[in-house]
Amino acid sequence: MLLMSQLHIDIARNSTDDFNLFHDKSRWHWLRGNPFEGPIALGFQLGCFIEYQCRLLAMNSTSEIDTDQFRFSAYEFSFANCVRPDDEVTLSVKPGKWSSGEGPSTYSRRLILKANKKPAIVGFKRDGNQMTLPLPSNLPPMHMLNNLPDRELVPGTKYFLKRKYMIVGNAKNFLASAGAEQSLFIDEFADKVDFPEMYPLGLISSALLERALFEDIDLISHPMIYASQKLCIDKQQLEELRSNDAINILVGPDISEDANEFGPESSSKKRVTQECVAYANEDTPLFIAKLSLIPLNSLINKSSDELE
């Protein structure tokens, strides 16, 4: 259990460079019609809480499969509600089982994260030996990324490059923001640095915001919140990363059905879907993510329709 506080939220924001106003204790009301009426926790911060609780479950259970044997870790989240300061956050995880579906076989655990006993995130934690998400098409070669300028479109592509760095201090703070015991991941006295999976994934939000600014989208007039996240990370690569290692995050364009209708002045957008791929020190991706976001205007209009 975690009793969420504004301090937890601020620590998560500072450690991942997430400057979204939804999380700002002083400026959340700049977002006109904000239905949350106050700051809310970060989606990836809650993901870190989920990751930590799943690790504790695996450590303390005799019936769970040892997921450390698998190379890839995946998360599928659907956001049903927000988490606010003073909310009590808990996680319920069902026993794991094997599933194949349309892709490779994975060990899956269904989960529900609750805020004050009401569902906030529902989804799955999956582990397997293959990426659960396909690699997007027309990606630039990994070997050229370190020589390209940060916060620019990769020449000849529609991918925006955001370069971030793995920082031990930021990872420790990110763990603290999720109520996690840091020494399970990082312990200087044991010469141990195991970055949590959600730390590099948590840098996606900053990359998305940077792309929006690059496209001249007014984040005050047209803010967006997560509707769902599909995430898959290479645990083997993650284990090799150390402080100051660079990761290049490629943020793709909107691929939703009404992608062409969206622009800086648009308020009719119903959903934004973007793919992100990150490369670290290898030719294969560190992670792949597919994210769906809902513009605040769409959420407010939906709420008004339900009231009528």
C-alpha atoms as a PDB file:
ATOM      1  CA  MET A   1       0.000   0.000   0.000  1.00  0.00           C
ATOM      2  CA  LEU A   2       1.135   3.541  -0.768  1.00  0.00           C
ATOM      3  CA  LEU A   3      -0.409   6.707   0.588  1.00  0.00           C
ATOM      4  CA  MET A   4       0.115   9.042  -2.358  1.00  0.00           C
ATOM      5  CA  SER A   5       1.295  12.563  -1.552  1.00  0.00           C
ATOM      6  CA  GLN A   6       2.153  15.637  -3.575  1.00  0.00           C
ATOM      7  CA  LEU A   7       5.775  15.072  -2.554  1.00  0.00           C
ATOM      8  CA  HIS A   8       5.675  11.636  -4.210  1.00  0.00           C
ATOM      9  CA  ILE A   9       4.304  13.257  -7.372  1.00  0.00           C
ATOM     10  CA  ASP A  10       6.896  16.045  -7.354  1.00  0.00           C
ATOM     11  CA  ILE A  11       9.738  13.544  -6.942  1.00  0.00           C
ATOM     12  CA  ALA A  12       8.435  11.490  -9.873  1.00  0.00           C
ATOM     13  CA  ARG A  13       8.151  14.605 -12.051  1.00  0.00           C
ATOM     14  CA  ASN A  14      11.632  15.829 -11.205  1.00  0.00           C
ATOM     15  CA  SER A  15      13.291  12.457 -11.757  1.00  0.00           C
ATOM     16  CA  THR A  16      11.772  11.978 -15.235  1.00  0.00           C
ATOM     17  CA  ASP A  17      11.525  15.599 -16.464  1.00  0.00           C
ATOM     18  CA  ASP A  18       7.751  15.283 -16.848  1.00  0.00           C
ATOM     19  CA  PHE A  19       6.503  18.873 -16.951  1.00  0.00           C
ATOM     20  CA  ASN A  20       2.864  18.035 -17.737  1.00  0.00           C
ATOM     21  CA  LEU A  21       0.642  20.512 -15.890  1.00  0.00           C
ATOM     22  CA  PHE A  22      -1.718  17.744 -14.764  1.00  0.00           C
ATOM     23  CA  HIS A  23       0.853  16.945 -12.059  1.00  0.00           C
ATOM     24  CA  ASP A  24       1.707  20.527 -11.054  1.00  0.00           C
ATOM     25  CA  LYS A  25       0.433  21.493  -7.601  1.00  0.00           C
ATOM     26  CA  SER A  26       0.447  25.203  -8.436  1.00  0.00           C
ATOM     27  CA  ARG A  27      -0.635  25.265 -12.078  1.00  0.00           C
ATOM     28  CA  TRP A  28      -3.041  22.356 -12.628  1.00  0.00           C
ATOM     29  CA  HIS A  29      -5.876  24.899 -12.852  1.00  0.00           C
ATOM     30  CA  TRP A  30      -4.257  26.460 -15.934  1.00  0.00           C
ATOM     31  CA  LEU A  31      -5.894  23.566 -17.802  1.00  0.00           C
ATOM     32  CA  ARG A  32      -9.342  25.008 -18.391  1.00  0.00           C
ATOM     33  CA  GLY A  33     -12.111  22.641 -17.361  1.00  0.00           C
ATOM     34  CA  ASN A  34      -9.689  20.229 -15.681  1.00  0.00           C
ATOM     35  CA  PRO A  35     -12.101  17.620 -14.252  1.00  0.00           C
ATOM     36  CA  PHE A  36      -9.585  16.321 -11.713  1.00  0.00           C
ATOM     37  CA  GLU A  37      -9.718  19.559  -9.685  1.00  0.00           C
ATOM     38  CA  GLY A  38      -6.155  19.148  -8.478  1.00  0.00           C
ATOM     39  CA  PRO A  39      -2.840  17.519  -9.366  1.00  0.00           C
ATOM     40  CA  ILE A  40      -2.740  13.807 -10.226  1.00  0.00           C
ATOM     41  CA  ALA A  41      -0.051  11.119 -10.078  1.00  0.00           C
ATOM     42  CA  LEU A  42       2.031  10.190 -13.121  1.00  0.00           C
ATOM     43  CA  GLY A  43       1.028   7.117 -15.098  1.00  0.00           C
ATOM     44  CA  PHE A  44       4.578   5.728 -15.131  1.00  0.00           C
ATOM     45  CA  GLN A  45       4.937   6.456 -11.422  1.00  0.00           C
ATOM     46  CA  LEU A  46       1.969   4.144 -10.837  1.00  0.00           C
ATOM     47  CA  GLY A  47       3.600   1.696 -13.231  1.00  0.00           C
ATOM     48  CA  CYS A  48       6.676   1.688 -10.996  1.00  0.00           C
ATOM     49  CA  PHE A  49       4.466   0.906  -8.001  1.00  0.00           C
ATOM     50  CA  ILE A  50       3.046  -2.021  -9.994  1.00  0.00           C
ATOM     51  CA  GLU A  51       6.522  -3.244 -10.967  1.00  0.00           C
ATOM     52  CA  TYR A  52       7.702  -3.095  -7.336  1.00  0.00           C
ATOM     53  CA  GLN A  53       4.651  -4.883  -5.972  1.00  0.00           C
ATOM     54  CA  CYS A  54       5.009  -7.622  -8.596  1.00  0.00           C
ATOM     55  CA  ARG A  55       8.648  -8.067  -7.556  1.00  0.00           C
ATOM     56  CA  LEU A  56       7.652  -8.390  -3.914  1.00  0.00           C
ATOM     57  CA  LEU A  57       5.005 -10.925  -4.863  1.00  0.00           C
ATOM     58  CA  ALA A  58       7.543 -13.011  -6.778  1.00  0.00           C
ATOM     59  CA  MET A  59      10.002 -12.856  -3.872  1.00  0.00           C
ATOM     60  CA  ASN A  60       7.442 -13.976  -1.295  1.00  0.00           C
ATOM     61  CA  SER A  61       5.448 -16.530  -3.274  1.00  0.00           C
ATOM     62  CA  THR A  62       6.231 -20.227  -3.644  1.00  0.00           C
ATOM     63  CA  SER A  63       3.711 -20.693  -6.460  1.00  0.00           C
ATOM     64  CA  GLU A  64       4.869 -17.945  -8.829  1.00  0.00           C
ATOM     65  CA  ILE A  65       7.230 -18.714 -11.710  1.00  0.00           C
ATOM     66  CA  ASP A  66      10.654 -17.074 -11.506  1.00  0.00           C
ATOM     67  CA  THR A  67      10.232 -14.393 -14.163  1.00  0.00           C
ATOM     68  CA  ASP A  68      13.939 -13.481 -14.050  1.00  0.00           C
ATOM     69  CA  GLN A  69      14.459 -16.343 -16.503  1.00  0.00           C
ATOM     70  CA  PHE A  70      12.663 -14.374 -19.227  1.00  0.00           C
ATOM     71  CA  ARG A  71      14.385 -11.714 -21.308  1.00  0.00           C
ATOM     72  CA  PHE A  72      11.429  -9.403 -21.894  1.00  0.00           C
ATOM     73  CA  SER A  73       8.990  -7.748 -19.547  1.00  0.00           C
ATOM     74  CA  ALA A  74       5.722  -6.249 -20.797  1.00  0.00           C
ATOM     75  CA  TYR A  75       2.916  -4.190 -19.315  1.00  0.00           C
ATOM     76  CA  GLU A  76      -0.551  -3.461 -20.640  1.00  0.00           C
ATOM     77  CA  PHE A  77      -2.410  -0.709 -18.791  1.00  0.00           C
ATOM     78  CA  SER A  78      -5.852   0.790 -19.284  1.00  0.00           C
ATOM     79  CA  PHE A  79      -6.452   3.911 -17.209  1.00  0.00           C
ATOM     80  CA  ALA A  80      -9.878   3.939 -15.579  1.00  0.00           C
ATOM     81  CA  ASN A  81      -9.367   6.764 -13.100  1.00  0.00           C
ATOM     82  CA  CYS A  82      -6.701   9.038 -11.669  1.00  0.00           C
ATOM     83  CA  VAL A  83      -4.755   8.945  -8.407  1.00  0.00           C
ATOM     84  CA  ARG A  84      -4.664  12.113  -6.324  1.00  0.00           C
ATOM     85  CA  PRO A  85      -2.658  13.225  -3.288  1.00  0.00           C
ATOM     86  CA  ASP A  86      -3.906  11.527  -0.104  1.00  0.00           C
ATOM     87  CA  ASP A  87      -5.282   8.552  -2.071  1.00  0.00           C
ATOM     88  CA  GLU A  88      -4.503   5.095  -0.726  1.00  0.00           C
ATOM     89  CA  VAL A  89      -3.000   3.062  -3.568  1.00  0.00           C
ATOM     90  CA  THR A  90      -3.176  -0.745  -3.540  1.00  0.00           C
ATOM     91  CA  LEU A  91      -2.558  -3.491  -6.073  1.00  0.00           C
ATOM     92  CA  SER A  92      -4.360  -6.773  -6.617  1.00  0.00           C
ATOM     93  CA  VAL A  93      -2.603  -9.386  -8.779  1.00  0.00           C
ATOM     94  CA  LYS A  94      -4.184 -12.636  -9.893  1.00  0.00           C
ATOM     95  CA  PRO A  95      -2.141 -15.853 -10.131  1.00  0.00           C
ATOM     96  CA  GLY A  96      -0.055 -16.036 -13.280  1.00  0.00           C
ATOM     97  CA  LYS A  97      -0.816 -18.297 -16.213  1.00  0.00           C
ATOM     98  CA  TRP A  98       0.554 -19.046 -19.661  1.00  0.00           C
ATOM     99  CA  SER A  99      -1.077 -17.316 -22.598  1.00  0.00           C
ATOM    100  CA  SER A 100      -0.292 -17.207 -26.304  1.00  0.00           C
ATOM    101  CA  GLY A 101      -3.053 -15.177 -27.954  1.00  0.00           C
ATOM    102  CA  GLU A 102      -1.932 -13.846 -31.322  1.00  0.00           C
ATOM    103  CA  GLY A 103       1.734 -13.523 -30.395  1.00  0.00           C
ATOM    104  CA  PRO A 104       4.479 -15.437 -28.602  1.00  0.00           C
ATOM    105  CA  SER A 105       3.728 -17.411 -25.454  1.00  0.00           C
ATOM    106  CA  THR A 106       4.015 -15.323 -22.298  1.00  0.00           C
ATOM    107  CA  TYR A 107       3.517 -15.725 -18.579  1.00  0.00           C
ATOM    108  CA  SER A 108       0.711 -13.299 -17.709  1.00  0.00           C
ATOM    109  CA  ARG A 109      -0.686 -11.862 -14.513  1.00  0.00           C
ATOM    110  CA  ARG A 110      -3.848  -9.797 -14.496  1.00  0.00           C
ATOM    111  CA  LEU A 111      -3.759  -6.803 -12.173  1.00  0.00           C
ATOM    112  CA  ILE A 112      -5.918  -4.024 -10.803  1.00  0.00           C
ATOM    113  CA  LEU A 113      -4.466  -0.916  -9.199  1.00  0.00           C
ATOM    114  CA  LYS A 114      -6.961   0.840  -6.952  1.00  0.00           C
ATOM    115  CA  ALA A 115      -7.109   4.315  -5.444  1.00  0.00           C
ATOM    116  CA  ASN A 116      -9.260   4.367  -2.320  1.00  0.00           C
ATOM    117  CA  LYS A 117     -10.605   0.934  -3.320  1.00  0.00           C
ATOM    118  CA  LYS A 118     -11.746   2.146  -6.770  1.00  0.00           C
ATOM    119  CA  PRO A 119     -10.039   0.834  -9.957  1.00  0.00           C
ATOM    120  CA  ALA A 120      -7.544   3.278 -11.448  1.00  0.00           C
ATOM    121  CA  ILE A 121      -5.517   0.952 -13.714  1.00  0.00           C
ATOM    122  CA  VAL A 122      -6.482  -2.474 -15.033  1.00  0.00           C
ATOM    123  CA  GLY A 123      -4.209  -4.602 -17.161  1.00  0.00           C
ATOM    124  CA  PHE A 124      -1.516  -7.239 -17.317  1.00  0.00           C
ATOM    125  CA  LYS A 125       2.115  -7.848 -16.446  1.00  0.00           C
ATOM    126  CA  ARG A 126       3.642 -10.277 -18.936  1.00  0.00           C
ATOM    127  CA  ASP A 127       7.045 -11.972 -19.185  1.00  0.00           C
ATOM    128  CA  GLY A 128       8.478 -13.907 -22.111  1.00  0.00           C
ATOM    129  CA  ASN A 129      11.433 -14.404 -24.425  1.00  0.00           C
ATOM    130  CA  GLN A 130      10.199 -12.250 -27.306  1.00  0.00           C
ATOM    131  CA  MET A 131       9.062  -8.665 -27.677  1.00  0.00           C
ATOM    132  CA  THR A 132       5.288  -8.471 -27.337  1.00  0.00           C
ATOM    133  CA  LEU A 133       5.110  -5.421 -29.623  1.00  0.00           C
ATOM    134  CA  PRO A 134       6.168  -5.291 -33.282  1.00  0.00           C
ATOM    135  CA  LEU A 135       8.945  -2.969 -34.309  1.00  0.00           C
ATOM    136  CA  PRO A 136       7.488   0.060 -36.134  1.00  0.00           C
ATOM    137  CA  SER A 137       8.417   0.472 -39.781  1.00  0.00           C
ATOM    138  CA  ASN A 138      10.824   2.958 -41.363  1.00  0.00           C
ATOM    139  CA  LEU A 139      12.966   3.436 -38.258  1.00  0.00           C
ATOM    140  CA  PRO A 140      16.344   5.135 -38.738  1.00  0.00           C
ATOM    141  CA  PRO A 141      19.472   3.002 -38.147  1.00  0.00           C
ATOM    142  CA  MET A 142      20.446   2.837 -34.505  1.00  0.00           C
ATOM    143  CA  HIS A 143      24.148   3.539 -35.184  1.00  0.00           C
ATOM    144  CA  MET A 144      23.413   7.037 -36.515  1.00  0.00           C
ATOM    145  CA  LEU A 145      21.321   8.246 -33.585  1.00  0.00           C
ATOM    146  CA  ASN A 146      24.119   9.346 -31.232  1.00  0.00           C
ATOM    147  CA  ASN A 147      25.433  11.717 -33.897  1.00  0.00           C
ATOM    148  CA  LEU A 148      22.090  13.415 -34.511  1.00  0.00           C
ATOM    149  CA  PRO A 149      20.899  16.574 -32.729  1.00  0.00           C
ATOM    150  CA  ASP A 150      18.552  16.157 -29.777  1.00  0.00           C
ATOM    151  CA  ARG A 151      14.910  17.279 -30.031  1.00  0.00           C
ATOM    152  CA  GLU A 152      14.761  17.226 -33.821  1.00  0.00           C
ATOM    153  CA  LEU A 153      13.137  15.062 -36.466  1.00  0.00           C
ATOM    154  CA  VAL A 154      15.480  12.371 -37.738  1.00  0.00           C
ATOM    155  CA  PRO A 155      16.304  13.373 -41.342  1.00  0.00           C
ATOM    156  CA  GLY A 156      14.188  11.562 -43.888  1.00  0.00           C
ATOM    157  CA  THR A 157      11.751  10.210 -41.289  1.00  0.00           C
ATOM    158  CA  LYS A 158       8.768  11.297 -39.196  1.00  0.00           C
ATOM    159  CA  TYR A 159      10.442  10.210 -35.961  1.00  0.00           C
ATOM    160  CA  PHE A 160      11.338  12.769 -33.319  1.00  0.00           C
ATOM    161  CA  LEU A 161      14.552  12.085 -31.381  1.00  0.00           C
ATOM    162  CA  LYS A 162      14.736  12.738 -27.650  1.00  0.00           C
ATOM    163  CA  ARG A 163      18.030  11.833 -25.989  1.00  0.00           C
ATOM    164  CA  LYS A 164      17.970  11.033 -22.290  1.00  0.00           C
ATOM    165  CA  TYR A 165      20.536   9.625 -19.873  1.00  0.00           C
ATOM    166  CA  MET A 166      20.334   6.906 -17.286  1.00  0.00           C
ATOM    167  CA  ILE A 167      21.073   8.575 -13.941  1.00  0.00           C
ATOM    168  CA  VAL A 168      21.308   6.487 -10.755  1.00  0.00           C
ATOM    169  CA  GLY A 169      20.150   9.355  -8.519  1.00  0.00           C
ATOM    170  CA  ASN A 170      17.077   9.954 -10.674  1.00  0.00           C
ATOM    171  CA  ALA A 171      16.264   6.244 -10.686  1.00  0.00           C
ATOM    172  CA  LYS A 172      16.473   6.120  -6.893  1.00  0.00           C
ATOM    173  CA  ASN A 173      14.169   9.105  -6.606  1.00  0.00           C
ATOM    174  CA  PHE A 174      11.748   7.538  -9.079  1.00  0.00           C
ATOM    175  CA  LEU A 175      11.661   4.406  -6.911  1.00  0.00           C
ATOM    176  CA  ALA A 176      11.008   6.570  -3.852  1.00  0.00           C
ATOM    177  CA  SER A 177       8.100   8.239  -5.655  1.00  0.00           C
ATOM    178  CA  ALA A 178       6.473   4.793  -5.947  1.00  0.00           C
ATOM    179  CA  GLY A 179       7.124   3.810  -2.346  1.00  0.00           C
ATOM    180  CA  ALA A 180       9.686   1.196  -3.418  1.00  0.00           C
ATOM    181  CA  GLU A 181      12.604  -0.058  -1.338  1.00  0.00           C
ATOM    182  CA  GLN A 182      15.558   1.324  -3.282  1.00  0.00           C
ATOM    183  CA  SER A 183      18.116  -1.218  -2.066  1.00  0.00           C
ATOM    184  CA  LEU A 184      16.284  -3.991  -3.916  1.00  0.00           C
ATOM    185  CA  PHE A 185      17.389  -2.278  -7.125  1.00  0.00           C
ATOM    186  CA  ILE A 186      20.346  -0.051  -6.305  1.00  0.00           C
ATOM    187  CA  ASP A 187      22.809  -0.555  -3.454  1.00  0.00           C
ATOM    188  CA  GLU A 188      26.188   1.171  -3.545  1.00  0.00           C
ATOM    189  CA  PHE A 189      27.551  -0.948  -0.682  1.00  0.00           C
ATOM    190  CA  ALA A 190      26.855  -4.085  -2.722  1.00  0.00           C
ATOM    191  CA  ASP A 191      27.991  -2.471  -5.999  1.00  0.00           C
ATOM    192  CA  LYS A 192      24.511  -3.141  -7.330  1.00  0.00           C
ATOM    193  CA  VAL A 193      22.795  -1.070 -10.007  1.00  0.00           C
ATOM    194  CA  ASP A 194      19.614  -2.633 -11.387  1.00  0.00           C
ATOM    195  CA  PHE A 195      17.562   0.124 -12.944  1.00  0.00           C
ATOM    196  CA  PRO A 196      13.827  -0.512 -12.494  1.00  0.00           C
ATOM    197  CA  GLU A 197      12.049  -1.240 -15.763  1.00  0.00           C
ATOM    198  CA  MET A 198       9.734   1.722 -15.350  1.00  0.00           C
ATOM    199  CA  TYR A 199      12.534   4.255 -15.035  1.00  0.00           C
ATOM    200  CA  PRO A 200      13.592   4.381 -18.724  1.00  0.00           C
ATOM    201  CA  LEU A 201       9.968   3.823 -19.722  1.00  0.00           C
ATOM    202  CA  GLY A 202       9.005   6.792 -17.535  1.00  0.00           C
ATOM    203  CA  LEU A 203      11.153   9.041 -19.726  1.00  0.00           C
ATOM    204  CA  ILE A 204       8.627   8.546 -22.538  1.00  0.00           C
ATOM    205  CA  SER A 205       6.350  11.243 -21.113  1.00  0.00           C
ATOM    206  CA  SER A 206       9.078  13.854 -21.369  1.00  0.00           C
ATOM    207  CA  ALA A 207       9.788  12.767 -24.953  1.00  0.00           C
ATOM    208  CA  LEU A 208       6.099  13.040 -25.904  1.00  0.00           C
ATOM    209  CA  LEU A 209       5.866  16.503 -24.393  1.00  0.00           C
ATOM    210  CA  GLU A 210       9.015  17.606 -26.219  1.00  0.00           C
ATOM    211  CA  ARG A 211       7.585  16.396 -29.540  1.00  0.00           C
ATOM    212  CA  ALA A 212       4.347  18.285 -28.886  1.00  0.00           C
ATOM    213  CA  LEU A 213       6.306  21.495 -28.266  1.00  0.00           C
ATOM    214  CA  PHE A 214       8.329  20.868 -31.424  1.00  0.00           C
ATOM    215  CA  GLU A 215       5.054  20.680 -33.357  1.00  0.00           C
ATOM    216  CA  ASP A 216       3.852  23.952 -31.765  1.00  0.00           C
ATOM    217  CA  ILE A 217       0.999  22.257 -29.926  1.00  0.00           C
ATOM    218  CA  ASP A 218      -0.189  24.411 -27.037  1.00  0.00           C
ATOM    219  CA  LEU A 219      -0.024  22.061 -24.042  1.00  0.00           C
ATOM    220  CA  ILE A 220      -2.143  24.431 -21.957  1.00  0.00           C
ATOM    221  CA  SER A 221      -4.969  24.712 -24.477  1.00  0.00           C
ATOM    222  CA  HIS A 222      -4.667  21.134 -25.741  1.00  0.00           C
ATOM    223  CA  PRO A 223      -3.447  18.871 -22.908  1.00  0.00           C
ATOM    224  CA  MET A 224      -3.725  15.100 -23.182  1.00  0.00           C
ATOM    225  CA  ILE A 225      -3.856  12.243 -20.684  1.00  0.00           C
ATOM    226  CA  TYR A 226      -3.058   8.558 -21.070  1.00  0.00           C
ATOM    227  CA  ALA A 227      -5.899   6.229 -21.982  1.00  0.00           C
ATOM    228  CA  SER A 228      -3.751   3.113 -22.357  1.00  0.00           C
ATOM    229  CA  GLN A 229      -0.148   1.978 -22.504  1.00  0.00           C
ATOM    230  CA  LYS A 230       1.461  -1.087 -24.047  1.00  0.00           C
ATOM    231  CA  LEU A 231       5.088  -1.399 -23.031  1.00  0.00           C
ATOM    232  CA  CYS A 232       7.800  -3.998 -23.573  1.00  0.00           C
ATOM    233  CA  ILE A 233      11.400  -3.739 -22.350  1.00  0.00           C
ATOM    234  CA  ASP A 234      14.507  -5.865 -22.842  1.00  0.00           C
ATOM    235  CA  LYS A 235      15.576  -6.792 -19.298  1.00  0.00           C
ATOM    236  CA  GLN A 236      18.905  -8.175 -20.494  1.00  0.00           C
ATOM    237  CA  GLN A 237      19.896  -4.826 -21.987  1.00  0.00           C
ATOM    238  CA  LEU A 238      18.574  -2.969 -18.975  1.00  0.00           C
ATOM    239  CA  GLU A 239      20.828  -4.970 -16.656  1.00  0.00           C
ATOM    240  CA  GLU A 240      23.883  -3.791 -18.596  1.00  0.00           C
ATOM    241  CA  LEU A 241      23.078  -0.076 -18.377  1.00  0.00           C
ATOM    242  CA  ARG A 242      24.996   2.179 -16.021  1.00  0.00           C
ATOM    243  CA  SER A 243      24.754   5.798 -14.963  1.00  0.00           C
ATOM    244  CA  ASN A 244      25.270   8.332 -17.763  1.00  0.00           C
ATOM    245  CA  ASP A 245      24.531   5.808 -20.521  1.00  0.00           C
ATOM    246  CA  ALA A 246      22.539   7.541 -23.242  1.00  0.00           C
ATOM    247  CA  ILE A 247      19.228   6.253 -24.539  1.00  0.00           C
ATOM    248  CA  ASN A 248      17.766   7.589 -27.760  1.00  0.00           C
ATOM    249  CA  ILE A 249      13.969   7.685 -27.705  1.00  0.00           C
ATOM    250  CA  LEU A 250      12.258   7.842 -31.077  1.00  0.00           C
ATOM    251  CA  VAL A 251       8.726   9.232 -30.905  1.00  0.00           C
ATOM    252  CA  GLY A 252       6.607   8.458 -33.934  1.00  0.00           C
ATOM    253  CA  PRO A 253       3.802  10.576 -35.359  1.00  0.00           C
ATOM    254  CA  ASP A 254       0.167  10.117 -34.432  1.00  0.00           C
ATOM    255  CA  ILE A 255      -1.131   6.931 -36.074  1.00  0.00           C
ATOM    256  CA  SER A 256      -4.748   7.132 -34.880  1.00  0.00           C
ATOM    257  CA  GLU A 257      -7.625   6.972 -37.370  1.00  0.00           C
ATOM    258  CA  ASP A 258      -8.141  10.742 -37.373  1.00  0.00           C
ATOM    259  CA  ALA A 259      -4.445  11.623 -37.251  1.00  0.00           C
ATOM    260  CA  ASN A 260      -4.689  14.074 -40.129  1.00  0.00           C
ATOM    261  CA  GLU A 261      -7.348  16.100 -38.329  1.00  0.00           C
ATOM    262  CA  PHE A 262      -5.089  17.078 -35.451  1.00  0.00           C
ATOM    263  CA  GLY A 263      -3.164  20.315 -35.249  1.00  0.00           C
ATOM    264  CA  PRO A 264      -2.240  23.059 -32.798  1.00  0.00           C
ATOM    265  CA  GLU A 265      -5.695  24.637 -33.043  1.00  0.00           C
ATOM    266  CA  SER A 266      -7.777  21.455 -33.173  1.00  0.00           C
ATOM    267  CA  SER A 267     -10.161  20.556 -30.360  1.00  0.00           C
ATOM    268  CA  SER A 268     -12.059  17.772 -32.150  1.00  0.00           C
ATOM    269  CA  LYS A 269      -9.427  15.073 -31.714  1.00  0.00           C
ATOM    270  CA  LYS A 270     -10.767  11.973 -29.948  1.00  0.00           C
ATOM    271  CA  ARG A 271      -7.552  10.024 -29.492  1.00  0.00           C
ATOM    272  CA  VAL A 272      -3.835  10.198 -30.204  1.00  0.00           C
ATOM    273  CA  THR A 273      -1.829   7.006 -30.688  1.00  0.00           C
ATOM    274  CA  GLN A 274       1.950   7.095 -30.822  1.00  0.00           C
ATOM    275  CA  GLU A 275       4.691   4.506 -30.974  1.00  0.00           C
ATOM    276  CA  CYS A 276       8.022   4.976 -29.219  1.00  0.00           C
ATOM    277  CA  VAL A 277      11.225   2.980 -29.619  1.00  0.00           C
ATOM    278  CA  ALA A 278      14.363   3.437 -27.516  1.00  0.00           C
ATOM    279  CA  TYR A 279      17.913   2.353 -28.291  1.00  0.00           C
ATOM    280  CA  ALA A 280      20.772   2.231 -25.797  1.00  0.00           C
ATOM    281  CA  ASN A 281      24.037   0.437 -26.517  1.00  0.00           C
ATOM    282  CA  GLU A 282      22.811  -2.306 -28.858  1.00  0.00           C
ATOM    283  CA  ASP A 283      21.319  -2.549 -32.331  1.00  0.00           C
ATOM    284  CA  THR A 284      18.087  -4.001 -30.962  1.00  0.00           C
ATOM    285  CA  PRO A 285      15.537  -1.853 -29.069  1.00  0.00           C
ATOM    286  CA  LEU A 286      15.788  -1.335 -25.340  1.00  0.00           C
ATOM    287  CA  PHE A 287      12.026  -0.895 -25.337  1.00  0.00           C
ATOM    288  CA  ILE A 288       9.010  -0.507 -27.604  1.00  0.00           C
ATOM    289  CA  ALA A 289       5.876   1.313 -26.495  1.00  0.00           C
ATOM    290  CA  LYS A 290       2.468   2.038 -27.970  1.00  0.00           C
ATOM    291  CA  LEU A 291       0.547   4.772 -26.188  1.00  0.00           C
ATOM    292  CA  SER A 292      -2.980   6.074 -26.564  1.00  0.00           C
ATOM    293  CA  LEU A 293      -3.842   9.498 -25.214  1.00  0.00           C
ATOM    294  CA  ILE A 294      -7.119  11.384 -24.938  1.00  0.00           C
ATOM    295  CA  PRO A 295      -7.232  15.174 -25.303  1.00  0.00           C
ATOM    296  CA  LEU A 296      -8.800  16.846 -22.279  1.00  0.00           C
ATOM    297  CA  ASN A 297     -11.440  18.485 -24.490  1.00  0.00           C
ATOM    298  CA  SER A 298     -12.617  15.065 -25.625  1.00  0.00           C
ATOM    299  CA  LEU A 299     -12.791  13.825 -22.033  1.00  0.00           C
ATOM    300  CA  ILE A 300     -14.786  16.863 -20.893  1.00  0.00           C
ATOM    301  CA  ASN A 301     -17.226  16.536 -23.810  1.00  0.00           C
ATOM    302  CA  LYS A 302     -17.700  12.845 -23.046  1.00  0.00           C
ATOM    303  CA  SER A 303     -18.452  13.609 -19.388  1.00  0.00           C
ATOM    304  CA  SER A 304     -20.974  16.285 -20.398  1.00  0.00           C
ATOM    305  CA  ASP A 305     -22.723  13.854 -22.755  1.00  0.00           C
ATOM    306  CA  GLU A 306     -22.990  11.263 -19.972  1.00  0.00           C
ATOM    307  CA  LEU A 307     -24.569  13.826 -17.629  1.00  0.00           C
ATOM    308  CA  GLU A 308     -27.207  14.659 -20.242  1.00  0.00           C
END
